């Protein structure tokens, strides 16, 4: 009898832990979706100095924009021609 009670208690704790884990996984997934919006599409790093092009409205970090413009003058996301004058800082 005692063994059954212990087994039932253990199973209950395991279900509770599984539910807690599932909740934490959902929270982590939501955080990952939220922070992915704050990452540069070119380098994948969190924005430190985000710039937006008023030509194509894409946002990338300053370093990625400057690298792309120096290479071929195009947006790294859509390949639109962009001039450095088209870039504006975003203050987050």
C-alpha atoms as a PDB file:
ATOM      1  CA  UNK A   1       0.000   0.000   0.000  1.00  0.00           C
ATOM      2  CA  UNK A   2       2.774   2.387   0.949  1.00  0.00           C
ATOM      3  CA  UNK A   3       4.565   1.709  -2.338  1.00  0.00           C
ATOM      4  CA  UNK A   4       1.447   2.635  -4.304  1.00  0.00           C
ATOM      5  CA  UNK A   5       1.061   5.891  -2.379  1.00  0.00           C
ATOM      6  CA  UNK A   6       4.696   6.798  -2.987  1.00  0.00           C
ATOM      7  CA  UNK A   7       4.359   5.928  -6.674  1.00  0.00           C
ATOM      8  CA  UNK A   8       1.212   8.062  -6.953  1.00  0.00           C
ATOM      9  CA  UNK A   9       2.921  10.970  -5.204  1.00  0.00           C
ATOM     10  CA  UNK A  10       5.939  10.642  -7.485  1.00  0.00           C
ATOM     11  CA  UNK A  11       3.704  10.559 -10.566  1.00  0.00           C
ATOM     12  CA  UNK A  12       1.897  13.672  -9.322  1.00  0.00           C
ATOM     13  CA  UNK A  13       5.166  15.537  -8.854  1.00  0.00           C
ATOM     14  CA  UNK A  14       6.333  14.439 -12.305  1.00  0.00           C
ATOM     15  CA  UNK A  15       3.108  15.760 -13.883  1.00  0.00           C
ATOM     16  CA  UNK A  16       3.506  19.023 -12.005  1.00  0.00           C
ATOM     17  CA  UNK A  17       7.121  19.359 -13.144  1.00  0.00           C
ATOM     18  CA  UNK A  18       6.127  18.554 -16.731  1.00  0.00           C
ATOM     19  CA  UNK A  19       3.475  21.284 -16.605  1.00  0.00           C
ATOM     20  CA  UNK A  20       5.962  23.766 -15.159  1.00  0.00           C
ATOM     21  CA  UNK A  21       8.487  22.846 -17.838  1.00  0.00           C
ATOM     22  CA  UNK A  22       5.883  23.275 -20.550  1.00  0.00           C
ATOM     23  CA  UNK A  23       5.034  26.720 -19.174  1.00  0.00           C
ATOM     24  CA  UNK A  24       8.705  27.734 -19.094  1.00  0.00           C
ATOM     25  CA  UNK A  25       9.185  26.485 -22.659  1.00  0.00           C
ATOM     26  CA  UNK A  26       6.232  28.629 -23.786  1.00  0.00           C
ATOM     27  CA  UNK A  27       7.712  31.671 -22.018  1.00  0.00           C
ATOM     28  CA  UNK A  28      11.094  31.038 -23.639  1.00  0.00           C
ATOM     29  CA  UNK A  29       9.502  30.712 -27.054  1.00  0.00           C
ATOM     30  CA  UNK A  30       7.673  34.021 -26.582  1.00  0.00           C
ATOM     31  CA  UNK A  31      10.894  35.733 -25.485  1.00  0.00           C
ATOM     32  CA  UNK A  32      12.758  34.351 -28.485  1.00  0.00           C
ATOM     33  CA  UNK A  33      10.067  35.686 -30.825  1.00  0.00           C
ATOM     34  CA  UNK A  34      10.199  39.090 -29.133  1.00  0.00           C
ATOM     35  CA  UNK A  35      13.994  39.400 -29.177  1.00  0.00           C
ATOM     36  CA  UNK A  36      14.225  38.242 -32.786  1.00  0.00           C
ATOM     37  CA  UNK A  37      12.512  41.520 -33.685  1.00  0.00           C
ATOM     38  CA  UNK A  38      15.430  43.356 -32.074  1.00  0.00           C
ATOM     39  CA  UNK A  39      18.132  41.643 -34.110  1.00  0.00           C
ATOM     40  CA  UNK A  40      19.820  42.700 -37.291  1.00  0.00           C
ATOM     41  CA  UNK A  41      18.707  40.613 -40.247  1.00  0.00           C
ATOM     42  CA  UNK A  42      22.226  40.676 -41.660  1.00  0.00           C
ATOM     43  CA  UNK A  43      24.494  39.755 -38.765  1.00  0.00           C
ATOM     44  CA  UNK A  44      21.916  38.395 -36.303  1.00  0.00           C
ATOM     45  CA  UNK A  45      23.245  40.491 -33.428  1.00  0.00           C
ATOM     46  CA  UNK A  46      21.067  42.567 -31.126  1.00  0.00           C
ATOM     47  CA  UNK A  47      20.781  46.096 -32.442  1.00  0.00           C
ATOM     48  CA  UNK A  48      23.192  48.562 -30.887  1.00  0.00           C
ATOM     49  CA  UNK A  49      22.925  51.299 -33.476  1.00  0.00           C
ATOM     50  CA  UNK A  50      19.963  50.458 -35.710  1.00  0.00           C
ATOM     51  CA  UNK A  51      19.571  52.463 -38.898  1.00  0.00           C
ATOM     52  CA  UNK A  52      16.549  52.513 -41.193  1.00  0.00           C
ATOM     53  CA  UNK A  53      16.663  53.290 -44.872  1.00  0.00           C
ATOM     54  CA  UNK A  54      14.013  55.805 -45.921  1.00  0.00           C
ATOM     55  CA  UNK A  55      14.276  54.281 -49.392  1.00  0.00           C
ATOM     56  CA  UNK A  56      13.259  50.680 -48.639  1.00  0.00           C
ATOM     57  CA  UNK A  57      12.419  50.960 -44.895  1.00  0.00           C
ATOM     58  CA  UNK A  58      14.618  48.034 -43.883  1.00  0.00           C
ATOM     59  CA  UNK A  59      16.456  48.169 -40.574  1.00  0.00           C
ATOM     60  CA  UNK A  60      19.979  46.866 -40.010  1.00  0.00           C
ATOM     61  CA  UNK A  61      22.759  47.733 -37.601  1.00  0.00           C
ATOM     62  CA  UNK A  62      25.028  50.600 -38.575  1.00  0.00           C
ATOM     63  CA  UNK A  63      28.001  48.339 -39.252  1.00  0.00           C
ATOM     64  CA  UNK A  64      26.027  46.103 -41.630  1.00  0.00           C
ATOM     65  CA  UNK A  65      24.610  49.099 -43.486  1.00  0.00           C
ATOM     66  CA  UNK A  66      28.020  50.690 -43.895  1.00  0.00           C
ATOM     67  CA  UNK A  67      29.561  47.401 -45.026  1.00  0.00           C
ATOM     68  CA  UNK A  68      26.781  46.864 -47.580  1.00  0.00           C
ATOM     69  CA  UNK A  69      26.940  50.408 -48.895  1.00  0.00           C
ATOM     70  CA  UNK A  70      30.714  50.261 -49.220  1.00  0.00           C
ATOM     71  CA  UNK A  71      30.472  46.971 -51.114  1.00  0.00           C
ATOM     72  CA  UNK A  72      27.742  47.731 -53.655  1.00  0.00           C
ATOM     73  CA  UNK A  73      25.440  50.473 -52.350  1.00  0.00           C
ATOM     74  CA  UNK A  74      22.535  48.080 -51.883  1.00  0.00           C
ATOM     75  CA  UNK A  75      20.296  47.076 -49.009  1.00  0.00           C
ATOM     76  CA  UNK A  76      21.499  43.753 -47.604  1.00  0.00           C
ATOM     77  CA  UNK A  77      17.892  42.557 -47.370  1.00  0.00           C
ATOM     78  CA  UNK A  78      16.190  43.569 -50.625  1.00  0.00           C
ATOM     79  CA  UNK A  79      19.108  44.786 -52.789  1.00  0.00           C
ATOM     80  CA  UNK A  80      17.525  48.199 -53.377  1.00  0.00           C
ATOM     81  CA  UNK A  81      19.976  50.951 -54.156  1.00  0.00           C
ATOM     82  CA  UNK A  82      20.512  52.968 -50.974  1.00  0.00           C
ATOM     83  CA  UNK A  83      22.652  56.026 -50.317  1.00  0.00           C
ATOM     84  CA  UNK A  84      24.120  56.844 -46.928  1.00  0.00           C
ATOM     85  CA  UNK A  85      21.863  59.933 -46.873  1.00  0.00           C
ATOM     86  CA  UNK A  86      18.872  57.552 -46.884  1.00  0.00           C
ATOM     87  CA  UNK A  87      19.874  56.124 -43.477  1.00  0.00           C
ATOM     88  CA  UNK A  88      18.399  57.435 -40.253  1.00  0.00           C
ATOM     89  CA  UNK A  89      19.084  56.399 -36.675  1.00  0.00           C
ATOM     90  CA  UNK A  90      16.357  54.695 -34.712  1.00  0.00           C
ATOM     91  CA  UNK A  91      16.315  55.602 -31.040  1.00  0.00           C
ATOM     92  CA  UNK A  92      15.024  52.644 -29.073  1.00  0.00           C
END
